[in-house]
Amino acid sequence: MLTTWQARSRRKHEVVLAELKSNQDVELAKVKAYHDLALAGSKVDDERLARLRDESASLAGLVLQQGEYASGLLKPDQASAELRDKLVESHAILRIQYERLLLTSNSVEVQEAARWVMRAAWNEREVALGRDRKRQRRFGQQSVVKELRAELRIFTIAVRRELGMSEEFLAEFDDWGPGQPTG
């Protein structure tokens, strides 16, 4: 039989153990909540990166489409009011896509590269519409599409960095320089 002192000591011991278990449960709950929050943050970041991939690919596609329209307008046998309207409309859509990209990307480098792409697209649009170029081409007097692809190459490298990918990618075959098969 337990003495009063032993009974009290045992009760105190049980209370301390219960408190420790309670504290452990609280700590485990905190760790679980932190883990869940980290997973949720990771999921949000994964979704943002997937959106960044999509927004970047859409921007590149729209830029090249606009380049094709601009090239067509510069050729007398292809120039038409319909092609002119497509060029103007494609730039409006491109501008919306650019704004989406700005809201998706966390990288100033990506945003700046996208801005240079937009400037090149705007300049090629202006020339195709018979207006003066606001800025000289940064990559020499090459074709409209090659100028846009040169800007897109810089943009793509910046996006790949933000996505955590290698900077290397295959350049357009037409853009290959001597001994330089990658962008």
N, C-alpha and C. Protein backbone atom coordinates (compact mmCIF):
# COMPACT_ATOMS: atom_id res chain seq x y z
N MET A 1 0.84 -1.16 0.00
CA MET A 1 0.00 0.00 0.00
C MET A 1 0.89 1.24 0.00
N LEU A 2 0.43 2.26 -0.73
CA LEU A 2 1.20 3.49 -0.87
C LEU A 2 0.94 4.43 0.29
N THR A 3 1.99 5.07 0.70
CA THR A 3 1.82 6.09 1.74
C THR A 3 1.25 7.33 1.10
N THR A 4 0.80 8.23 1.92
CA THR A 4 0.24 9.49 1.43
C THR A 4 1.28 10.24 0.61
N TRP A 5 2.47 10.23 1.14
CA TRP A 5 3.54 10.94 0.44
C TRP A 5 3.80 10.32 -0.93
N GLN A 6 3.82 9.00 -1.01
CA GLN A 6 4.05 8.30 -2.27
C GLN A 6 2.89 8.54 -3.24
N ALA A 7 1.68 8.56 -2.71
CA ALA A 7 0.51 8.80 -3.56
C ALA A 7 0.57 10.20 -4.16
N ARG A 8 0.91 11.18 -3.31
CA ARG A 8 1.02 12.56 -3.82
C ARG A 8 2.14 12.65 -4.85
N SER A 9 3.23 12.04 -4.56
CA SER A 9 4.37 12.07 -5.46
C SER A 9 4.00 11.42 -6.80
N ARG A 10 3.27 10.32 -6.70
CA ARG A 10 2.85 9.64 -7.93
C ARG A 10 1.90 10.51 -8.73
N ARG A 11 0.93 11.17 -8.05
CA ARG A 11 0.00 12.07 -8.74
C ARG A 11 0.74 13.22 -9.41
N LYS A 12 1.69 13.81 -8.69
CA LYS A 12 2.48 14.90 -9.26
C LYS A 12 3.23 14.40 -10.50
N HIS A 13 3.77 13.22 -10.38
CA HIS A 13 4.50 12.63 -11.50
C HIS A 13 3.56 12.44 -12.69
N GLU A 14 2.36 11.94 -12.44
CA GLU A 14 1.38 11.73 -13.51
C GLU A 14 0.96 13.07 -14.13
N VAL A 15 0.79 14.10 -13.29
CA VAL A 15 0.43 15.43 -13.80
C VAL A 15 1.55 15.97 -14.68
N VAL A 16 2.79 15.83 -14.22
CA VAL A 16 3.94 16.31 -15.01
C VAL A 16 4.01 15.56 -16.33
N LEU A 17 3.82 14.24 -16.28
CA LEU A 17 3.83 13.46 -17.52
C LEU A 17 2.70 13.88 -18.46
N ALA A 18 1.53 14.13 -17.89
CA ALA A 18 0.40 14.59 -18.71
C ALA A 18 0.71 15.94 -19.35
N GLU A 19 1.33 16.84 -18.57
CA GLU A 19 1.70 18.15 -19.12
C GLU A 19 2.74 18.00 -20.22
N LEU A 20 3.72 17.12 -19.98
CA LEU A 20 4.74 16.89 -21.00
C LEU A 20 4.11 16.33 -22.27
N LYS A 21 3.20 15.38 -22.10
CA LYS A 21 2.52 14.81 -23.26
C LYS A 21 1.71 15.88 -23.96
N SER A 22 1.04 16.71 -23.19
CA SER A 22 0.26 17.81 -23.76
C SER A 22 1.18 18.76 -24.53
N ASN A 23 2.32 19.09 -23.92
CA ASN A 23 3.29 19.98 -24.59
C ASN A 23 3.83 19.33 -25.86
N GLN A 24 4.08 18.02 -25.80
CA GLN A 24 4.55 17.31 -26.98
C GLN A 24 3.48 17.35 -28.08
N ASP A 25 2.23 17.15 -27.67
CA ASP A 25 1.14 17.21 -28.64
C ASP A 25 1.05 18.60 -29.28
N VAL A 26 1.23 19.62 -28.45
CA VAL A 26 1.21 21.00 -28.97
C VAL A 26 2.37 21.20 -29.94
N GLU A 27 3.56 20.73 -29.53
CA GLU A 27 4.73 20.89 -30.40
C GLU A 27 4.54 20.10 -31.70
N LEU A 28 4.01 18.89 -31.59
CA LEU A 28 3.73 18.10 -32.79
C LEU A 28 2.71 18.80 -33.68
N ALA A 29 1.71 19.39 -33.07
CA ALA A 29 0.71 20.13 -33.83
C ALA A 29 1.35 21.32 -34.53
N LYS A 30 2.26 22.01 -33.83
CA LYS A 30 2.96 23.14 -34.45
C LYS A 30 3.80 22.68 -35.64
N VAL A 31 4.54 21.58 -35.43
CA VAL A 31 5.37 21.04 -36.51
C VAL A 31 4.50 20.64 -37.69
N LYS A 32 3.38 19.97 -37.41
CA LYS A 32 2.48 19.57 -38.49
C LYS A 32 1.92 20.79 -39.21
N ALA A 33 1.52 21.80 -38.46
CA ALA A 33 0.98 23.02 -39.08
C ALA A 33 2.05 23.69 -39.94
N TYR A 34 3.27 23.75 -39.43
CA TYR A 34 4.37 24.35 -40.19
C TYR A 34 4.62 23.55 -41.46
N HIS A 35 4.62 22.23 -41.33
CA HIS A 35 4.82 21.35 -42.48
C HIS A 35 3.71 21.55 -43.51
N ASP A 36 2.46 21.59 -43.03
CA ASP A 36 1.33 21.82 -43.93
C ASP A 36 1.43 23.17 -44.63
N LEU A 37 1.85 24.17 -43.88
CA LEU A 37 2.03 25.51 -44.45
C LEU A 37 3.14 25.49 -45.50
N ALA A 38 4.23 24.79 -45.21
CA ALA A 38 5.33 24.70 -46.17
C ALA A 38 4.87 23.98 -47.43
N LEU A 39 4.09 22.91 -47.25
CA LEU A 39 3.56 22.20 -48.42
C LEU A 39 2.63 23.09 -49.23
N ALA A 40 1.79 23.83 -48.53
CA ALA A 40 0.87 24.74 -49.23
C ALA A 40 1.67 25.80 -49.97
N GLY A 41 2.70 26.35 -49.33
CA GLY A 41 3.55 27.34 -49.99
C GLY A 41 4.26 26.74 -51.18
N SER A 42 4.72 25.52 -51.03
CA SER A 42 5.39 24.83 -52.13
C SER A 42 4.42 24.61 -53.28
N LYS A 43 3.18 24.24 -52.94
CA LYS A 43 2.17 24.02 -53.98
C LYS A 43 1.87 25.33 -54.70
N VAL A 44 1.76 26.42 -53.94
CA VAL A 44 1.51 27.73 -54.54
C VAL A 44 2.66 28.10 -55.46
N ASP A 45 3.90 27.87 -55.00
CA ASP A 45 5.06 28.20 -55.81
C ASP A 45 5.10 27.33 -57.06
N ASP A 46 4.78 26.03 -56.92
CA ASP A 46 4.72 25.14 -58.08
C ASP A 46 3.69 25.64 -59.09
N GLU A 47 2.54 26.08 -58.59
CA GLU A 47 1.50 26.60 -59.47
C GLU A 47 1.97 27.89 -60.15
N ARG A 48 2.68 28.74 -59.41
CA ARG A 48 3.19 29.99 -59.99
C ARG A 48 4.21 29.68 -61.08
N LEU A 49 5.09 28.72 -60.83
CA LEU A 49 6.09 28.37 -61.83
C LEU A 49 5.44 27.75 -63.07
N ALA A 50 4.39 26.96 -62.87
CA ALA A 50 3.67 26.40 -64.02
C ALA A 50 3.02 27.54 -64.82
N ARG A 51 2.43 28.51 -64.11
CA ARG A 51 1.85 29.67 -64.80
C ARG A 51 2.93 30.47 -65.53
N LEU A 52 4.09 30.62 -64.88
CA LEU A 52 5.19 31.35 -65.51
C LEU A 52 5.61 30.66 -66.81
N ARG A 53 5.69 29.33 -66.77
CA ARG A 53 6.03 28.58 -67.97
C ARG A 53 5.02 28.85 -69.08
N ASP A 54 3.74 28.77 -68.73
CA ASP A 54 2.67 28.99 -69.71
C ASP A 54 2.66 30.42 -70.23
N GLU A 55 2.78 31.38 -69.32
CA GLU A 55 2.74 32.80 -69.72
C GLU A 55 3.93 33.12 -70.62
N SER A 56 5.09 32.57 -70.30
CA SER A 56 6.29 32.83 -71.10
C SER A 56 6.18 32.22 -72.49
N ALA A 57 5.68 30.99 -72.55
CA ALA A 57 5.51 30.35 -73.86
C ALA A 57 4.49 31.10 -74.70
N SER A 58 3.41 31.54 -74.08
CA SER A 58 2.39 32.31 -74.80
C SER A 58 2.97 33.62 -75.32
N LEU A 59 3.74 34.31 -74.48
CA LEU A 59 4.36 35.57 -74.90
C LEU A 59 5.27 35.34 -76.10
N ALA A 60 6.10 34.31 -76.03
CA ALA A 60 7.02 34.01 -77.14
C ALA A 60 6.25 33.70 -78.43
N GLY A 61 5.20 32.91 -78.31
CA GLY A 61 4.39 32.58 -79.49
C GLY A 61 3.74 33.80 -80.10
N LEU A 62 3.21 34.67 -79.26
CA LEU A 62 2.57 35.90 -79.76
C LEU A 62 3.59 36.84 -80.41
N VAL A 63 4.79 36.92 -79.84
CA VAL A 63 5.83 37.77 -80.42
C VAL A 63 6.20 37.27 -81.82
N LEU A 64 6.39 35.97 -81.94
CA LEU A 64 6.76 35.42 -83.25
C LEU A 64 5.62 35.56 -84.26
N GLN A 65 4.39 35.40 -83.79
CA GLN A 65 3.23 35.60 -84.67
C GLN A 65 3.21 37.05 -85.16
N GLN A 66 3.42 37.99 -84.26
CA GLN A 66 3.45 39.40 -84.64
C GLN A 66 4.59 39.66 -85.62
N GLY A 67 5.72 39.01 -85.40
CA GLY A 67 6.85 39.15 -86.32
C GLY A 67 6.52 38.68 -87.72
N GLU A 68 5.79 37.58 -87.80
CA GLU A 68 5.37 37.07 -89.12
C GLU A 68 4.42 38.05 -89.80
N TYR A 69 3.49 38.61 -89.05
CA TYR A 69 2.58 39.61 -89.61
C TYR A 69 3.36 40.84 -90.09
N ALA A 70 4.31 41.29 -89.28
CA ALA A 70 5.11 42.47 -89.65
C ALA A 70 5.94 42.17 -90.89
N SER A 71 6.53 40.99 -90.96
CA SER A 71 7.31 40.61 -92.15
C SER A 71 6.43 40.61 -93.39
N GLY A 72 5.22 40.09 -93.23
CA GLY A 72 4.29 40.05 -94.36
C GLY A 72 3.93 41.44 -94.85
N LEU A 73 3.71 42.35 -93.93
CA LEU A 73 3.36 43.72 -94.33
C LEU A 73 4.50 44.43 -95.04
N LEU A 74 5.73 44.03 -94.77
CA LEU A 74 6.88 44.66 -95.42
C LEU A 74 7.09 44.14 -96.84
N LYS A 75 6.40 43.08 -97.22
CA LYS A 75 6.50 42.53 -98.58
C LYS A 75 5.30 43.02 -99.38
N PRO A 76 5.55 43.77 -100.45
CA PRO A 76 4.44 44.36 -101.22
C PRO A 76 3.41 43.33 -101.71
N ASP A 77 3.86 42.14 -102.05
CA ASP A 77 2.91 41.14 -102.57
C ASP A 77 2.03 40.53 -101.48
N GLN A 78 2.39 40.70 -100.21
CA GLN A 78 1.61 40.12 -99.11
C GLN A 78 0.84 41.16 -98.30
N ALA A 79 1.22 42.41 -98.42
CA ALA A 79 0.60 43.47 -97.60
C ALA A 79 -0.89 43.59 -97.93
N SER A 80 -1.70 43.67 -96.87
CA SER A 80 -3.15 43.83 -97.04
C SER A 80 -3.72 44.49 -95.79
N ALA A 81 -4.92 45.03 -95.93
CA ALA A 81 -5.59 45.64 -94.78
C ALA A 81 -5.86 44.59 -93.71
N GLU A 82 -6.19 43.38 -94.15
CA GLU A 82 -6.46 42.29 -93.20
C GLU A 82 -5.20 41.95 -92.38
N LEU A 83 -4.06 41.89 -93.05
CA LEU A 83 -2.81 41.60 -92.36
C LEU A 83 -2.44 42.74 -91.41
N ARG A 84 -2.71 43.95 -91.84
CA ARG A 84 -2.46 45.12 -90.99
C ARG A 84 -3.31 45.04 -89.71
N ASP A 85 -4.59 44.70 -89.86
CA ASP A 85 -5.48 44.56 -88.70
C ASP A 85 -5.00 43.44 -87.77
N LYS A 86 -4.54 42.33 -88.36
CA LYS A 86 -4.03 41.23 -87.54
C LYS A 86 -2.81 41.66 -86.74
N LEU A 87 -1.95 42.46 -87.37
CA LEU A 87 -0.75 42.95 -86.68
C LEU A 87 -1.13 43.83 -85.49
N VAL A 88 -2.05 44.75 -85.71
CA VAL A 88 -2.48 45.65 -84.63
C VAL A 88 -3.14 44.85 -83.51
N GLU A 89 -4.02 43.92 -83.88
CA GLU A 89 -4.71 43.10 -82.87
C GLU A 89 -3.72 42.21 -82.11
N SER A 90 -2.77 41.63 -82.84
CA SER A 90 -1.81 40.74 -82.18
C SER A 90 -0.96 41.50 -81.17
N HIS A 91 -0.66 42.77 -81.45
CA HIS A 91 0.14 43.53 -80.48
C HIS A 91 -0.68 43.84 -79.23
N ALA A 92 -1.98 44.09 -79.41
CA ALA A 92 -2.84 44.33 -78.23
C ALA A 92 -2.89 43.08 -77.35
N ILE A 93 -3.01 41.93 -77.97
CA ILE A 93 -3.03 40.67 -77.21
C ILE A 93 -1.67 40.42 -76.56
N LEU A 94 -0.61 40.74 -77.29
CA LEU A 94 0.74 40.60 -76.75
C LEU A 94 0.93 41.47 -75.52
N ARG A 95 0.39 42.66 -75.56
CA ARG A 95 0.52 43.58 -74.42
C ARG A 95 -0.18 43.01 -73.17
N ILE A 96 -1.34 42.41 -73.37
CA ILE A 96 -2.06 41.77 -72.26
C ILE A 96 -1.23 40.62 -71.70
N GLN A 97 -0.65 39.83 -72.60
CA GLN A 97 0.17 38.70 -72.17
C GLN A 97 1.39 39.18 -71.38
N TYR A 98 1.97 40.26 -71.82
CA TYR A 98 3.12 40.86 -71.12
C TYR A 98 2.72 41.26 -69.70
N GLU A 99 1.56 41.88 -69.55
CA GLU A 99 1.09 42.29 -68.21
C GLU A 99 0.86 41.07 -67.32
N ARG A 100 0.33 39.99 -67.89
CA ARG A 100 0.16 38.74 -67.12
C ARG A 100 1.50 38.22 -66.63
N LEU A 101 2.48 38.27 -67.52
CA LEU A 101 3.81 37.80 -67.15
C LEU A 101 4.39 38.63 -66.01
N LEU A 102 4.19 39.94 -66.05
CA LEU A 102 4.69 40.80 -64.98
C LEU A 102 4.07 40.43 -63.64
N LEU A 103 2.82 39.98 -63.66
CA LEU A 103 2.14 39.59 -62.42
C LEU A 103 2.54 38.19 -61.95
N THR A 104 3.17 37.41 -62.82
CA THR A 104 3.53 36.04 -62.49
C THR A 104 4.99 35.89 -62.07
N SER A 105 5.87 36.61 -62.73
CA SER A 105 7.30 36.44 -62.49
C SER A 105 7.77 37.20 -61.25
N ASN A 106 8.64 36.56 -60.48
CA ASN A 106 9.27 37.20 -59.32
C ASN A 106 10.62 37.81 -59.69
N SER A 107 11.08 37.55 -60.90
CA SER A 107 12.42 37.94 -61.31
C SER A 107 12.43 39.26 -62.07
N VAL A 108 13.21 40.21 -61.58
CA VAL A 108 13.37 41.48 -62.29
C VAL A 108 14.06 41.22 -63.63
N GLU A 109 14.96 40.24 -63.66
CA GLU A 109 15.66 39.90 -64.90
C GLU A 109 14.66 39.45 -65.97
N VAL A 110 13.70 38.62 -65.60
CA VAL A 110 12.67 38.16 -66.54
C VAL A 110 11.83 39.35 -67.00
N GLN A 111 11.44 40.18 -66.06
CA GLN A 111 10.59 41.33 -66.40
C GLN A 111 11.32 42.29 -67.34
N GLU A 112 12.61 42.51 -67.10
CA GLU A 112 13.39 43.40 -67.97
C GLU A 112 13.55 42.79 -69.36
N ALA A 113 13.85 41.49 -69.41
CA ALA A 113 13.99 40.83 -70.71
C ALA A 113 12.67 40.87 -71.48
N ALA A 114 11.56 40.69 -70.78
CA ALA A 114 10.24 40.78 -71.43
C ALA A 114 10.01 42.19 -71.95
N ARG A 115 10.45 43.17 -71.21
CA ARG A 115 10.30 44.57 -71.64
C ARG A 115 11.08 44.82 -72.93
N TRP A 116 12.30 44.27 -73.02
CA TRP A 116 13.08 44.41 -74.26
C TRP A 116 12.39 43.71 -75.42
N VAL A 117 11.79 42.56 -75.16
CA VAL A 117 11.04 41.86 -76.20
C VAL A 117 9.89 42.74 -76.68
N MET A 118 9.18 43.35 -75.73
CA MET A 118 8.06 44.22 -76.10
C MET A 118 8.53 45.43 -76.91
N ARG A 119 9.65 46.01 -76.54
CA ARG A 119 10.18 47.15 -77.30
C ARG A 119 10.50 46.74 -78.74
N ALA A 120 11.15 45.59 -78.88
CA ALA A 120 11.48 45.12 -80.23
C ALA A 120 10.21 44.86 -81.03
N ALA A 121 9.22 44.23 -80.40
CA ALA A 121 7.96 43.94 -81.08
C ALA A 121 7.26 45.24 -81.49
N TRP A 122 7.26 46.21 -80.60
CA TRP A 122 6.64 47.51 -80.91
C TRP A 122 7.35 48.18 -82.08
N ASN A 123 8.68 48.19 -82.07
CA ASN A 123 9.43 48.81 -83.15
C ASN A 123 9.16 48.14 -84.49
N GLU A 124 9.14 46.81 -84.49
CA GLU A 124 8.88 46.10 -85.75
C GLU A 124 7.45 46.35 -86.22
N ARG A 125 6.54 46.47 -85.29
CA ARG A 125 5.14 46.80 -85.62
C ARG A 125 5.08 48.18 -86.27
N GLU A 126 5.74 49.15 -85.66
CA GLU A 126 5.72 50.52 -86.18
C GLU A 126 6.29 50.59 -87.59
N VAL A 127 7.40 49.93 -87.83
CA VAL A 127 8.01 49.93 -89.16
C VAL A 127 7.08 49.28 -90.17
N ALA A 128 6.48 48.15 -89.79
CA ALA A 128 5.56 47.46 -90.70
C ALA A 128 4.34 48.30 -91.02
N LEU A 129 3.94 49.17 -90.08
CA LEU A 129 2.78 50.04 -90.32
C LEU A 129 3.19 51.33 -91.04
N GLY A 130 4.46 51.43 -91.44
CA GLY A 130 4.92 52.59 -92.20
C GLY A 130 5.34 53.77 -91.35
N ARG A 131 5.54 53.55 -90.09
CA ARG A 131 5.95 54.62 -89.18
C ARG A 131 7.45 54.53 -88.90
N ASP A 132 7.96 55.55 -88.25
CA ASP A 132 9.39 55.56 -87.91
C ASP A 132 9.68 54.65 -86.73
N ARG A 133 10.84 54.06 -86.80
CA ARG A 133 11.34 53.22 -85.71
C ARG A 133 11.75 54.13 -84.56
N LYS A 134 11.35 53.79 -83.34
CA LYS A 134 11.71 54.62 -82.18
C LYS A 134 13.10 54.30 -81.68
N ARG A 135 13.52 53.06 -81.82
CA ARG A 135 14.85 52.64 -81.36
C ARG A 135 15.50 51.78 -82.43
N GLN A 136 16.81 51.87 -82.49
CA GLN A 136 17.55 51.03 -83.43
C GLN A 136 17.50 49.58 -82.95
N ARG A 137 17.64 48.69 -83.89
CA ARG A 137 17.71 47.28 -83.52
C ARG A 137 18.97 47.03 -82.70
N ARG A 138 18.85 46.19 -81.71
CA ARG A 138 20.00 45.90 -80.85
C ARG A 138 20.93 44.87 -81.47
N PHE A 139 20.44 44.10 -82.42
CA PHE A 139 21.22 42.98 -82.95
C PHE A 139 21.53 43.13 -84.44
N GLY A 140 21.60 44.35 -84.92
CA GLY A 140 21.98 44.57 -86.31
C GLY A 140 20.77 44.60 -87.24
N GLN A 141 21.06 44.77 -88.50
CA GLN A 141 19.99 44.90 -89.50
C GLN A 141 19.63 43.54 -90.08
N GLN A 142 19.10 42.69 -89.27
CA GLN A 142 18.66 41.39 -89.73
C GLN A 142 17.15 41.42 -89.93
N SER A 143 16.58 40.29 -90.29
CA SER A 143 15.14 40.26 -90.55
C SER A 143 14.35 40.52 -89.26
N VAL A 144 13.09 40.87 -89.45
CA VAL A 144 12.21 41.16 -88.31
C VAL A 144 12.17 39.98 -87.34
N VAL A 145 11.93 38.81 -87.86
CA VAL A 145 11.77 37.63 -87.00
C VAL A 145 13.09 37.28 -86.30
N LYS A 146 14.21 37.44 -86.99
CA LYS A 146 15.50 37.16 -86.35
C LYS A 146 15.77 38.13 -85.21
N GLU A 147 15.41 39.39 -85.39
CA GLU A 147 15.58 40.38 -84.31
C GLU A 147 14.73 39.99 -83.10
N LEU A 148 13.50 39.59 -83.36
CA LEU A 148 12.61 39.19 -82.27
C LEU A 148 13.12 37.92 -81.59
N ARG A 149 13.61 36.97 -82.39
CA ARG A 149 14.15 35.74 -81.79
C ARG A 149 15.38 36.02 -80.94
N ALA A 150 16.20 36.99 -81.35
CA ALA A 150 17.38 37.35 -80.56
C ALA A 150 16.95 37.89 -79.19
N GLU A 151 15.92 38.73 -79.18
CA GLU A 151 15.39 39.23 -77.89
C GLU A 151 14.76 38.10 -77.09
N LEU A 152 14.04 37.22 -77.77
CA LEU A 152 13.40 36.09 -77.08
C LEU A 152 14.43 35.13 -76.48
N ARG A 153 15.58 35.00 -77.12
CA ARG A 153 16.62 34.12 -76.58
C ARG A 153 17.05 34.60 -75.19
N ILE A 154 17.26 35.91 -75.05
CA ILE A 154 17.65 36.49 -73.75
C ILE A 154 16.52 36.29 -72.74
N PHE A 155 15.29 36.51 -73.19
CA PHE A 155 14.11 36.32 -72.34
C PHE A 155 14.01 34.87 -71.87
N THR A 156 14.18 33.93 -72.79
CA THR A 156 14.06 32.51 -72.46
C THR A 156 15.11 32.09 -71.43
N ILE A 157 16.32 32.58 -71.58
CA ILE A 157 17.37 32.26 -70.61
C ILE A 157 16.99 32.77 -69.23
N ALA A 158 16.46 33.99 -69.17
CA ALA A 158 16.04 34.56 -67.87
C ALA A 158 14.91 33.74 -67.25
N VAL A 159 13.95 33.33 -68.06
CA VAL A 159 12.83 32.51 -67.56
C VAL A 159 13.36 31.17 -67.06
N ARG A 160 14.25 30.56 -67.83
CA ARG A 160 14.81 29.28 -67.41
C ARG A 160 15.53 29.41 -66.07
N ARG A 161 16.22 30.53 -65.86
CA ARG A 161 16.88 30.75 -64.56
C ARG A 161 15.85 30.79 -63.44
N GLU A 162 14.77 31.54 -63.66
CA GLU A 162 13.75 31.64 -62.61
C GLU A 162 13.10 30.29 -62.34
N LEU A 163 12.98 29.47 -63.37
CA LEU A 163 12.38 28.15 -63.19
C LEU A 163 13.37 27.14 -62.59
N GLY A 164 14.63 27.56 -62.42
CA GLY A 164 15.63 26.66 -61.85
C GLY A 164 16.19 25.68 -62.87
N MET A 165 16.09 26.03 -64.14
CA MET A 165 16.57 25.15 -65.21
C MET A 165 17.93 25.63 -65.72
N SER A 166 18.56 24.78 -66.50
CA SER A 166 19.81 25.15 -67.16
C SER A 166 19.53 26.28 -68.15
N GLU A 167 20.53 27.12 -68.36
CA GLU A 167 20.37 28.22 -69.32
C GLU A 167 20.48 27.75 -70.76
N GLU A 168 21.03 26.57 -70.96
CA GLU A 168 21.26 26.07 -72.32
C GLU A 168 19.97 25.59 -72.95
N PHE A 169 19.80 25.96 -74.21
CA PHE A 169 18.69 25.44 -74.99
C PHE A 169 19.07 25.55 -76.46
N LEU A 170 18.42 24.79 -77.30
CA LEU A 170 18.73 24.77 -78.72
C LEU A 170 18.18 26.02 -79.39
N ALA A 171 19.05 26.76 -80.07
CA ALA A 171 18.63 27.95 -80.80
C ALA A 171 17.98 27.53 -82.12
N GLU A 172 17.30 28.48 -82.75
CA GLU A 172 16.74 28.22 -84.08
C GLU A 172 17.89 27.89 -85.03
N PHE A 173 17.69 26.93 -85.91
CA PHE A 173 18.76 26.54 -86.82
C PHE A 173 19.24 27.71 -87.67
N ASP A 174 18.32 28.58 -88.07
CA ASP A 174 18.68 29.74 -88.90
C ASP A 174 19.56 30.73 -88.15
N ASP A 175 19.56 30.69 -86.83
CA ASP A 175 20.32 31.64 -86.03
C ASP A 175 21.71 31.12 -85.64
N TRP A 176 22.02 29.91 -86.03
CA TRP A 176 23.30 29.34 -85.63
C TRP A 176 24.45 30.11 -86.26
N GLY A 177 25.38 30.48 -85.43
CA GLY A 177 26.61 31.08 -85.93
C GLY A 177 27.64 29.97 -86.08
N PRO A 178 28.81 30.29 -86.63
CA PRO A 178 29.84 29.26 -86.77
C PRO A 178 30.24 28.69 -85.41
N GLY A 179 30.12 27.39 -85.27
CA GLY A 179 30.51 26.72 -84.03
C GLY A 179 29.66 27.07 -82.82
N GLN A 180 28.43 27.53 -83.04
CA GLN A 180 27.59 27.97 -81.92
C GLN A 180 26.17 27.41 -82.06
N PRO A 181 25.99 26.11 -81.77
CA PRO A 181 24.67 25.52 -81.96
C PRO A 181 23.66 25.77 -80.86
N THR A 182 24.03 26.41 -79.74
CA THR A 182 23.06 26.64 -78.68
C THR A 182 22.90 28.12 -78.43
N GLY A 183 21.77 28.46 -77.75
CA GLY A 183 21.46 29.86 -77.46
C GLY A 183 22.06 30.34 -76.20
